[in-house]
Amino acid sequence: MSQPHTLTLDDVSFDKKQGSIDAYDGNYQNIIIPDNFDGITVTEISDYAFSEVEDLGDDEAPENPLTSVVLPNTVTEIGEGAFQRNALYQSV
């Protein structure tokens, strides 16, 4: 397993008013979600934030290479399908 990457604001779309990660834009396989970005606490993972949501054929593998995630204890809400259709979800 490769060394985990701690996410930065360059890796995500982050709503500072809600403390919500709205979309993951990175290509890292193993990630650590920090408890804050620039002092704003991460409290929510939005619907489909870490998901490969484009339609895939039955034989196609997801393009999102995500295989492991470490969540901070500040996250109190995880949206619908937040981690579906990626390598993480398929390995469950």
PDB file of N, CA and C in Angstrom:
ATOM      1  N   MET A   1       0.843  -1.170   0.000  1.00  0.00           N
ATOM      2  CA  MET A   1       0.000   0.000   0.000  1.00  0.00           C
ATOM      3  C   MET A   1       0.892   1.238   0.000  1.00  0.00           C
ATOM      4  N   SER A   2       0.547   2.200  -0.844  1.00  0.00           N
ATOM      5  CA  SER A   2       1.329   3.431  -0.898  1.00  0.00           C
ATOM      6  C   SER A   2       1.042   4.311   0.314  1.00  0.00           C
ATOM      7  N   GLN A   3       1.957   5.228   0.562  1.00  0.00           N
ATOM      8  CA  GLN A   3       1.828   6.147   1.688  1.00  0.00           C
ATOM      9  C   GLN A   3       0.564   6.995   1.516  1.00  0.00           C
ATOM     10  N   PRO A   4      -0.267   7.146   2.560  1.00  0.00           N
ATOM     11  CA  PRO A   4      -1.481   7.958   2.440  1.00  0.00           C
ATOM     12  C   PRO A   4      -1.159   9.433   2.204  1.00  0.00           C
ATOM     13  N   HIS A   5      -2.014  10.074   1.454  1.00  0.00           N
ATOM     14  CA  HIS A   5      -1.897  11.506   1.155  1.00  0.00           C
ATOM     15  C   HIS A   5      -2.926  12.263   1.985  1.00  0.00           C
ATOM     16  N   THR A   6      -2.481  13.260   2.742  1.00  0.00           N
ATOM     17  CA  THR A   6      -3.413  14.117   3.476  1.00  0.00           C
ATOM     18  C   THR A   6      -3.956  15.152   2.504  1.00  0.00           C
ATOM     19  N   LEU A   7      -5.267  15.195   2.385  1.00  0.00           N
ATOM     20  CA  LEU A   7      -5.894  16.093   1.427  1.00  0.00           C
ATOM     21  C   LEU A   7      -5.607  17.559   1.739  1.00  0.00           C
ATOM     22  N   THR A   8      -5.534  18.351   0.673  1.00  0.00           N
ATOM     23  CA  THR A   8      -5.405  19.802   0.773  1.00  0.00           C
ATOM     24  C   THR A   8      -6.571  20.420   0.002  1.00  0.00           C
ATOM     25  N   LEU A   9      -6.683  21.723   0.049  1.00  0.00           N
ATOM     26  CA  LEU A   9      -7.741  22.404  -0.705  1.00  0.00           C
ATOM     27  C   LEU A   9      -7.570  22.243  -2.208  1.00  0.00           C
ATOM     28  N   ASP A  10      -6.379  21.887  -2.662  1.00  0.00           N
ATOM     29  CA  ASP A  10      -6.157  21.622  -4.087  1.00  0.00           C
ATOM     30  C   ASP A  10      -6.799  20.305  -4.522  1.00  0.00           C
ATOM     31  N   ASP A  11      -7.099  19.431  -3.569  1.00  0.00           N
ATOM     32  CA  ASP A  11      -7.634  18.101  -3.872  1.00  0.00           C
ATOM     33  C   ASP A  11      -9.153  18.024  -3.827  1.00  0.00           C
ATOM     34  N   VAL A  12      -9.796  19.021  -3.237  1.00  0.00           N
ATOM     35  CA  VAL A  12     -11.236  18.951  -3.003  1.00  0.00           C
ATOM     36  C   VAL A  12     -11.922  20.281  -3.302  1.00  0.00           C
ATOM     37  N   SER A  13     -13.216  20.197  -3.474  1.00  0.00           N
ATOM     38  CA  SER A  13     -14.070  21.380  -3.471  1.00  0.00           C
ATOM     39  C   SER A  13     -14.647  21.438  -2.056  1.00  0.00           C
ATOM     40  N   PHE A  14     -14.381  22.513  -1.328  1.00  0.00           N
ATOM     41  CA  PHE A  14     -14.739  22.611   0.084  1.00  0.00           C
ATOM     42  C   PHE A  14     -15.607  23.835   0.324  1.00  0.00           C
ATOM     43  N   ASP A  15     -16.787  23.615   0.897  1.00  0.00           N
ATOM     44  CA  ASP A  15     -17.710  24.692   1.250  1.00  0.00           C
ATOM     45  C   ASP A  15     -17.365  25.164   2.653  1.00  0.00           C
ATOM     46  N   LYS A  16     -16.719  26.313   2.748  1.00  0.00           N
ATOM     47  CA  LYS A  16     -16.254  26.815   4.048  1.00  0.00           C
ATOM     48  C   LYS A  16     -17.406  27.191   4.982  1.00  0.00           C
ATOM     49  N   LYS A  17     -18.545  27.613   4.429  1.00  0.00           N
ATOM     50  CA  LYS A  17     -19.695  27.970   5.279  1.00  0.00           C
ATOM     51  C   LYS A  17     -20.307  26.740   5.934  1.00  0.00           C
ATOM     52  N   GLN A  18     -20.327  25.622   5.211  1.00  0.00           N
ATOM     53  CA  GLN A  18     -20.935  24.390   5.714  1.00  0.00           C
ATOM     54  C   GLN A  18     -19.922  23.438   6.331  1.00  0.00           C
ATOM     55  N   GLY A  19     -18.635  23.666   6.081  1.00  0.00           N
ATOM     56  CA  GLY A  19     -17.611  22.728   6.535  1.00  0.00           C
ATOM     57  C   GLY A  19     -17.714  21.414   5.789  1.00  0.00           C
ATOM     58  N   SER A  20     -18.098  21.500   4.522  1.00  0.00           N
ATOM     59  CA  SER A  20     -18.433  20.312   3.743  1.00  0.00           C
ATOM     60  C   SER A  20     -17.488  20.092   2.564  1.00  0.00           C
ATOM     61  N   ILE A  21     -17.014  18.864   2.427  1.00  0.00           N
ATOM     62  CA  ILE A  21     -16.288  18.473   1.217  1.00  0.00           C
ATOM     63  C   ILE A  21     -17.345  18.091   0.193  1.00  0.00           C
ATOM     64  N   ASP A  22     -17.379  18.847  -0.910  1.00  0.00           N
ATOM     65  CA  ASP A  22     -18.408  18.631  -1.929  1.00  0.00           C
ATOM     66  C   ASP A  22     -17.944  17.737  -3.071  1.00  0.00           C
ATOM     67  N   ALA A  23     -16.645  17.727  -3.348  1.00  0.00           N
ATOM     68  CA  ALA A  23     -16.133  16.900  -4.439  1.00  0.00           C
ATOM     69  C   ALA A  23     -14.646  16.651  -4.247  1.00  0.00           C
ATOM     70  N   TYR A  24     -14.236  15.449  -4.598  1.00  0.00           N
ATOM     71  CA  TYR A  24     -12.825  15.062  -4.567  1.00  0.00           C
ATOM     72  C   TYR A  24     -12.294  15.135  -5.978  1.00  0.00           C
ATOM     73  N   ASP A  25     -11.216  15.894  -6.171  1.00  0.00           N
ATOM     74  CA  ASP A  25     -10.655  16.098  -7.499  1.00  0.00           C
ATOM     75  C   ASP A  25      -9.304  15.412  -7.674  1.00  0.00           C
ATOM     76  N   GLY A  26      -8.864  14.674  -6.673  1.00  0.00           N
ATOM     77  CA  GLY A  26      -7.541  14.063  -6.716  1.00  0.00           C
ATOM     78  C   GLY A  26      -7.522  12.692  -7.350  1.00  0.00           C
ATOM     79  N   ASN A  27      -6.319  12.138  -7.451  1.00  0.00           N
ATOM     80  CA  ASN A  27      -6.127  10.804  -8.003  1.00  0.00           C
ATOM     81  C   ASN A  27      -5.355   9.903  -7.048  1.00  0.00           C
ATOM     82  N   TYR A  28      -5.360  10.223  -5.779  1.00  0.00           N
ATOM     83  CA  TYR A  28      -4.625   9.431  -4.802  1.00  0.00           C
ATOM     84  C   TYR A  28      -5.429   8.191  -4.422  1.00  0.00           C
ATOM     85  N   GLN A  29      -4.733   7.080  -4.183  1.00  0.00           N
ATOM     86  CA  GLN A  29      -5.392   5.837  -3.796  1.00  0.00           C
ATOM     87  C   GLN A  29      -5.722   5.804  -2.310  1.00  0.00           C
ATOM     88  N   ASN A  30      -4.836   6.316  -1.502  1.00  0.00           N
ATOM     89  CA  ASN A  30      -4.981   6.261  -0.047  1.00  0.00           C
ATOM     90  C   ASN A  30      -4.950   7.686   0.484  1.00  0.00           C
ATOM     91  N   ILE A  31      -6.057   8.095   1.123  1.00  0.00           N
ATOM     92  CA  ILE A  31      -6.144   9.486   1.561  1.00  0.00           C
ATOM     93  C   ILE A  31      -6.473   9.600   3.045  1.00  0.00           C
ATOM     94  N   ILE A  32      -6.070  10.721   3.591  1.00  0.00           N
ATOM     95  CA  ILE A  32      -6.437  11.112   4.944  1.00  0.00           C
ATOM     96  C   ILE A  32      -7.186  12.432   4.814  1.00  0.00           C
ATOM     97  N   ILE A  33      -8.400  12.469   5.330  1.00  0.00           N
ATOM     98  CA  ILE A  33      -9.161  13.711   5.339  1.00  0.00           C
ATOM     99  C   ILE A  33      -8.796  14.441   6.627  1.00  0.00           C
ATOM    100  N   PRO A  34      -8.281  15.668   6.524  1.00  0.00           N
ATOM    101  CA  PRO A  34      -7.896  16.389   7.743  1.00  0.00           C
ATOM    102  C   PRO A  34      -9.130  16.864   8.503  1.00  0.00           C
ATOM    103  N   ASP A  35      -8.939  17.236   9.758  1.00  0.00           N
ATOM    104  CA  ASP A  35     -10.079  17.711  10.536  1.00  0.00           C
ATOM    105  C   ASP A  35     -10.451  19.152  10.217  1.00  0.00           C
ATOM    106  N   ASN A  36      -9.571  19.855   9.447  1.00  0.00           N
ATOM    107  CA  ASN A  36      -9.900  21.221   9.047  1.00  0.00           C
ATOM    108  C   ASN A  36      -9.100  21.611   7.801  1.00  0.00           C
ATOM    109  N   PHE A  37      -9.628  22.610   7.112  1.00  0.00           N
ATOM    110  CA  PHE A  37      -8.940  23.264   6.007  1.00  0.00           C
ATOM    111  C   PHE A  37      -8.866  24.745   6.360  1.00  0.00           C
ATOM    112  N   ASP A  38      -7.675  25.269   6.475  1.00  0.00           N
ATOM    113  CA  ASP A  38      -7.467  26.676   6.820  1.00  0.00           C
ATOM    114  C   ASP A  38      -8.259  27.095   8.065  1.00  0.00           C
ATOM    115  N   GLY A  39      -8.308  26.205   9.056  1.00  0.00           N
ATOM    116  CA  GLY A  39      -8.982  26.513  10.311  1.00  0.00           C
ATOM    117  C   GLY A  39     -10.482  26.285  10.315  1.00  0.00           C
ATOM    118  N   ILE A  40     -11.065  25.900   9.185  1.00  0.00           N
ATOM    119  CA  ILE A  40     -12.503  25.605   9.102  1.00  0.00           C
ATOM    120  C   ILE A  40     -12.679  24.096   9.288  1.00  0.00           C
ATOM    121  N   THR A  41     -13.423  23.708  10.318  1.00  0.00           N
ATOM    122  CA  THR A  41     -13.605  22.298  10.650  1.00  0.00           C
ATOM    123  C   THR A  41     -14.362  21.556   9.554  1.00  0.00           C
ATOM    124  N   VAL A  42     -13.868  20.385   9.196  1.00  0.00           N
ATOM    125  CA  VAL A  42     -14.549  19.507   8.246  1.00  0.00           C
ATOM    126  C   VAL A  42     -15.585  18.710   9.033  1.00  0.00           C
ATOM    127  N   THR A  43     -16.865  18.961   8.757  1.00  0.00           N
ATOM    128  CA  THR A  43     -17.943  18.294   9.491  1.00  0.00           C
ATOM    129  C   THR A  43     -18.819  17.424   8.598  1.00  0.00           C
ATOM    130  N   GLU A  44     -18.693  17.583   7.286  1.00  0.00           N
ATOM    131  CA  GLU A  44     -19.619  16.890   6.389  1.00  0.00           C
ATOM    132  C   GLU A  44     -18.918  16.440   5.110  1.00  0.00           C
ATOM    133  N   ILE A  45     -19.341  15.280   4.623  1.00  0.00           N
ATOM    134  CA  ILE A  45     -18.959  14.782   3.304  1.00  0.00           C
ATOM    135  C   ILE A  45     -20.253  14.778   2.497  1.00  0.00           C
ATOM    136  N   SER A  46     -20.316  15.575   1.448  1.00  0.00           N
ATOM    137  CA  SER A  46     -21.546  15.722   0.668  1.00  0.00           C
ATOM    138  C   SER A  46     -21.881  14.470  -0.133  1.00  0.00           C
ATOM    139  N   ASP A  47     -23.135  14.414  -0.599  1.00  0.00           N
ATOM    140  CA  ASP A  47     -23.575  13.334  -1.472  1.00  0.00           C
ATOM    141  C   ASP A  47     -22.597  13.173  -2.636  1.00  0.00           C
ATOM    142  N   TYR A  48     -22.165  11.957  -2.874  1.00  0.00           N
ATOM    143  CA  TYR A  48     -21.332  11.577  -4.021  1.00  0.00           C
ATOM    144  C   TYR A  48     -19.972  12.290  -4.074  1.00  0.00           C
ATOM    145  N   ALA A  49     -19.517  12.864  -2.974  1.00  0.00           N
ATOM    146  CA  ALA A  49     -18.284  13.659  -2.957  1.00  0.00           C
ATOM    147  C   ALA A  49     -17.059  12.874  -3.411  1.00  0.00           C
ATOM    148  N   PHE A  50     -16.960  11.617  -3.054  1.00  0.00           N
ATOM    149  CA  PHE A  50     -15.792  10.803  -3.408  1.00  0.00           C
ATOM    150  C   PHE A  50     -16.169   9.675  -4.358  1.00  0.00           C
ATOM    151  N   SER A  51     -17.233   9.864  -5.121  1.00  0.00           N
ATOM    152  CA  SER A  51     -17.752   8.811  -5.984  1.00  0.00           C
ATOM    153  C   SER A  51     -17.434   9.058  -7.442  1.00  0.00           C
ATOM    154  N   GLU A  52     -17.291   7.974  -8.155  1.00  0.00           N
ATOM    155  CA  GLU A  52     -17.240   8.025  -9.611  1.00  0.00           C
ATOM    156  C   GLU A  52     -18.694   7.924 -10.037  1.00  0.00           C
ATOM    157  N   VAL A  53     -19.302   9.035 -10.449  1.00  0.00           N
ATOM    158  CA  VAL A  53     -20.746   9.040 -10.670  1.00  0.00           C
ATOM    159  C   VAL A  53     -21.155   8.895 -12.133  1.00  0.00           C
ATOM    160  N   GLU A  54     -20.200   8.940 -13.062  1.00  0.00           N
ATOM    161  CA  GLU A  54     -20.563   8.749 -14.465  1.00  0.00           C
ATOM    162  C   GLU A  54     -20.987   7.306 -14.690  1.00  0.00           C
ATOM    163  N   ASP A  55     -21.917   7.123 -15.621  1.00  0.00           N
ATOM    164  CA  ASP A  55     -22.387   5.774 -15.927  1.00  0.00           C
ATOM    165  C   ASP A  55     -21.263   4.932 -16.499  1.00  0.00           C
ATOM    166  N   LEU A  56     -21.128   3.734 -15.964  1.00  0.00           N
ATOM    167  CA  LEU A  56     -20.123   2.791 -16.432  1.00  0.00           C
ATOM    168  C   LEU A  56     -20.826   1.553 -16.952  1.00  0.00           C
ATOM    169  N   GLY A  57     -20.246   0.938 -17.964  1.00  0.00           N
ATOM    170  CA  GLY A  57     -20.770  -0.333 -18.433  1.00  0.00           C
ATOM    171  C   GLY A  57     -20.513  -1.404 -17.383  1.00  0.00           C
ATOM    172  N   ASP A  58     -21.171  -2.532 -17.507  1.00  0.00           N
ATOM    173  CA  ASP A  58     -21.045  -3.605 -16.517  1.00  0.00           C
ATOM    174  C   ASP A  58     -19.613  -4.096 -16.346  1.00  0.00           C
ATOM    175  N   ASP A  59     -18.820  -4.071 -17.420  1.00  0.00           N
ATOM    176  CA  ASP A  59     -17.457  -4.597 -17.367  1.00  0.00           C
ATOM    177  C   ASP A  59     -16.404  -3.531 -17.088  1.00  0.00           C
ATOM    178  N   GLU A  60     -16.815  -2.276 -16.952  1.00  0.00           N
ATOM    179  CA  GLU A  60     -15.847  -1.203 -16.757  1.00  0.00           C
ATOM    180  C   GLU A  60     -15.521  -1.009 -15.284  1.00  0.00           C
ATOM    181  N   ALA A  61     -14.265  -0.807 -15.013  1.00  0.00           N
ATOM    182  CA  ALA A  61     -13.831  -0.500 -13.650  1.00  0.00           C
ATOM    183  C   ALA A  61     -13.968   1.002 -13.421  1.00  0.00           C
ATOM    184  N   PRO A  62     -14.184   1.417 -12.195  1.00  0.00           N
ATOM    185  CA  PRO A  62     -14.266   2.841 -11.936  1.00  0.00           C
ATOM    186  C   PRO A  62     -12.922   3.521 -12.195  1.00  0.00           C
ATOM    187  N   GLU A  63     -12.974   4.783 -12.598  1.00  0.00           N
ATOM    188  CA  GLU A  63     -11.756   5.539 -12.850  1.00  0.00           C
ATOM    189  C   GLU A  63     -11.170   6.104 -11.561  1.00  0.00           C
ATOM    190  N   ASN A  64     -11.975   6.250 -10.541  1.00  0.00           N
ATOM    191  CA  ASN A  64     -11.520   6.785  -9.272  1.00  0.00           C
ATOM    192  C   ASN A  64     -10.722   5.704  -8.550  1.00  0.00           C
ATOM    193  N   PRO A  65      -9.430   5.917  -8.323  1.00  0.00           N
ATOM    194  CA  PRO A  65      -8.569   4.866  -7.766  1.00  0.00           C
ATOM    195  C   PRO A  65      -8.615   4.735  -6.244  1.00  0.00           C
ATOM    196  N   LEU A  66      -9.508   5.441  -5.584  1.00  0.00           N
ATOM    197  CA  LEU A  66      -9.546   5.486  -4.129  1.00  0.00           C
ATOM    198  C   LEU A  66      -9.705   4.087  -3.525  1.00  0.00           C
ATOM    199  N   THR A  67      -8.747   3.697  -2.661  1.00  0.00           N
ATOM    200  CA  THR A  67      -8.807   2.380  -2.028  1.00  0.00           C
ATOM    201  C   THR A  67      -8.854   2.437  -0.510  1.00  0.00           C
ATOM    202  N   SER A  68      -8.451   3.566   0.106  1.00  0.00           N
ATOM    203  CA  SER A  68      -8.573   3.693   1.565  1.00  0.00           C
ATOM    204  C   SER A  68      -8.748   5.150   1.955  1.00  0.00           C
ATOM    205  N   VAL A  69      -9.528   5.347   3.022  1.00  0.00           N
ATOM    206  CA  VAL A  69      -9.837   6.690   3.515  1.00  0.00           C
ATOM    207  C   VAL A  69      -9.761   6.679   5.036  1.00  0.00           C
ATOM    208  N   VAL A  70      -9.105   7.693   5.599  1.00  0.00           N
ATOM    209  CA  VAL A  70      -9.108   7.903   7.046  1.00  0.00           C
ATOM    210  C   VAL A  70      -9.927   9.166   7.283  1.00  0.00           C
ATOM    211  N   LEU A  71     -10.999   9.023   8.058  1.00  0.00           N
ATOM    212  CA  LEU A  71     -11.882  10.150   8.372  1.00  0.00           C
ATOM    213  C   LEU A  71     -11.547  10.728   9.738  1.00  0.00           C
ATOM    214  N   PRO A  72     -11.632  12.058   9.879  1.00  0.00           N
ATOM    215  CA  PRO A  72     -11.429  12.649  11.201  1.00  0.00           C
ATOM    216  C   PRO A  72     -12.700  12.476  12.039  1.00  0.00           C
ATOM    217  N   ASN A  73     -12.570  12.556  13.346  1.00  0.00           N
ATOM    218  CA  ASN A  73     -13.753  12.415  14.196  1.00  0.00           C
ATOM    219  C   ASN A  73     -14.633  13.665  14.184  1.00  0.00           C
ATOM    220  N   THR A  74     -14.234  14.702  13.445  1.00  0.00           N
ATOM    221  CA  THR A  74     -15.053  15.906  13.311  1.00  0.00           C
ATOM    222  C   THR A  74     -16.195  15.727  12.317  1.00  0.00           C
ATOM    223  N   VAL A  75     -16.099  14.710  11.451  1.00  0.00           N
ATOM    224  CA  VAL A  75     -17.149  14.467  10.458  1.00  0.00           C
ATOM    225  C   VAL A  75     -18.360  13.862  11.156  1.00  0.00           C
ATOM    226  N   THR A  76     -19.483  14.575  11.071  1.00  0.00           N
ATOM    227  CA  THR A  76     -20.709  14.118  11.724  1.00  0.00           C
ATOM    228  C   THR A  76     -21.791  13.725  10.726  1.00  0.00           C
ATOM    229  N   GLU A  77     -21.555  14.014   9.446  1.00  0.00           N
ATOM    230  CA  GLU A  77     -22.545  13.662   8.427  1.00  0.00           C
ATOM    231  C   GLU A  77     -21.842  13.217   7.156  1.00  0.00           C
ATOM    232  N   ILE A  78     -22.305  12.082   6.638  1.00  0.00           N
ATOM    233  CA  ILE A  78     -21.794  11.564   5.369  1.00  0.00           C
ATOM    234  C   ILE A  78     -22.998  11.392   4.450  1.00  0.00           C
ATOM    235  N   GLY A  79     -22.955  12.066   3.312  1.00  0.00           N
ATOM    236  CA  GLY A  79     -24.080  12.074   2.389  1.00  0.00           C
ATOM    237  C   GLY A  79     -24.263  10.773   1.636  1.00  0.00           C
ATOM    238  N   GLU A  80     -25.399  10.702   0.977  1.00  0.00           N
ATOM    239  CA  GLU A  80     -25.767   9.534   0.185  1.00  0.00           C
ATOM    240  C   GLU A  80     -24.730   9.269  -0.901  1.00  0.00           C
ATOM    241  N   GLY A  81     -24.291   8.040  -0.997  1.00  0.00           N
ATOM    242  CA  GLY A  81     -23.367   7.630  -2.041  1.00  0.00           C
ATOM    243  C   GLY A  81     -22.018   8.313  -1.991  1.00  0.00           C
ATOM    244  N   ALA A  82     -21.642   8.854  -0.849  1.00  0.00           N
ATOM    245  CA  ALA A  82     -20.413   9.644  -0.739  1.00  0.00           C
ATOM    246  C   ALA A  82     -19.171   8.881  -1.179  1.00  0.00           C
ATOM    247  N   PHE A  83     -19.162   7.566  -1.006  1.00  0.00           N
ATOM    248  CA  PHE A  83     -17.978   6.771  -1.338  1.00  0.00           C
ATOM    249  C   PHE A  83     -18.304   5.629  -2.297  1.00  0.00           C
ATOM    250  N   GLN A  84     -19.355   5.767  -3.078  1.00  0.00           N
ATOM    251  CA  GLN A  84     -19.712   4.684  -3.992  1.00  0.00           C
ATOM    252  C   GLN A  84     -18.953   4.778  -5.304  1.00  0.00           C
ATOM    253  N   ARG A  85     -18.946   3.683  -6.026  1.00  0.00           N
ATOM    254  CA  ARG A  85     -18.402   3.573  -7.381  1.00  0.00           C
ATOM    255  C   ARG A  85     -16.967   4.037  -7.501  1.00  0.00           C
ATOM    256  N   ASN A  86     -16.142   3.524  -6.619  1.00  0.00           N
ATOM    257  CA  ASN A  86     -14.696   3.702  -6.721  1.00  0.00           C
ATOM    258  C   ASN A  86     -14.070   2.413  -6.239  1.00  0.00           C
ATOM    259  N   ALA A  87     -12.781   2.311  -6.240  1.00  0.00           N
ATOM    260  CA  ALA A  87     -12.118   1.074  -5.834  1.00  0.00           C
ATOM    261  C   ALA A  87     -12.373   0.758  -4.363  1.00  0.00           C
ATOM    262  N   LEU A  88     -12.576   1.775  -3.544  1.00  0.00           N
ATOM    263  CA  LEU A  88     -12.886   1.582  -2.134  1.00  0.00           C
ATOM    264  C   LEU A  88     -14.205   0.848  -1.990  1.00  0.00           C
ATOM    265  N   TYR A  89     -15.198   1.307  -2.681  1.00  0.00           N
ATOM    266  CA  TYR A  89     -16.536   0.739  -2.582  1.00  0.00           C
ATOM    267  C   TYR A  89     -16.558  -0.699  -3.113  1.00  0.00           C
ATOM    268  N   GLN A  90     -15.839  -0.945  -4.177  1.00  0.00           N
ATOM    269  CA  GLN A  90     -15.832  -2.277  -4.757  1.00  0.00           C
ATOM    270  C   GLN A  90     -15.085  -3.297  -3.901  1.00  0.00           C
ATOM    271  N   SER A  91     -14.199  -2.801  -3.052  1.00  0.00           N
ATOM    272  CA  SER A  91     -13.430  -3.737  -2.233  1.00  0.00           C
ATOM    273  C   SER A  91     -14.161  -4.138  -0.957  1.00  0.00           C
ATOM    274  N   VAL A  92     -15.320  -3.543  -0.711  1.00  0.00           N
ATOM    275  CA  VAL A  92     -16.080  -3.856   0.513  1.00  0.00           C
ATOM    276  C   VAL A  92     -16.730  -5.211   0.392  1.00  0.00           C
TER     277      VAL A  92
END
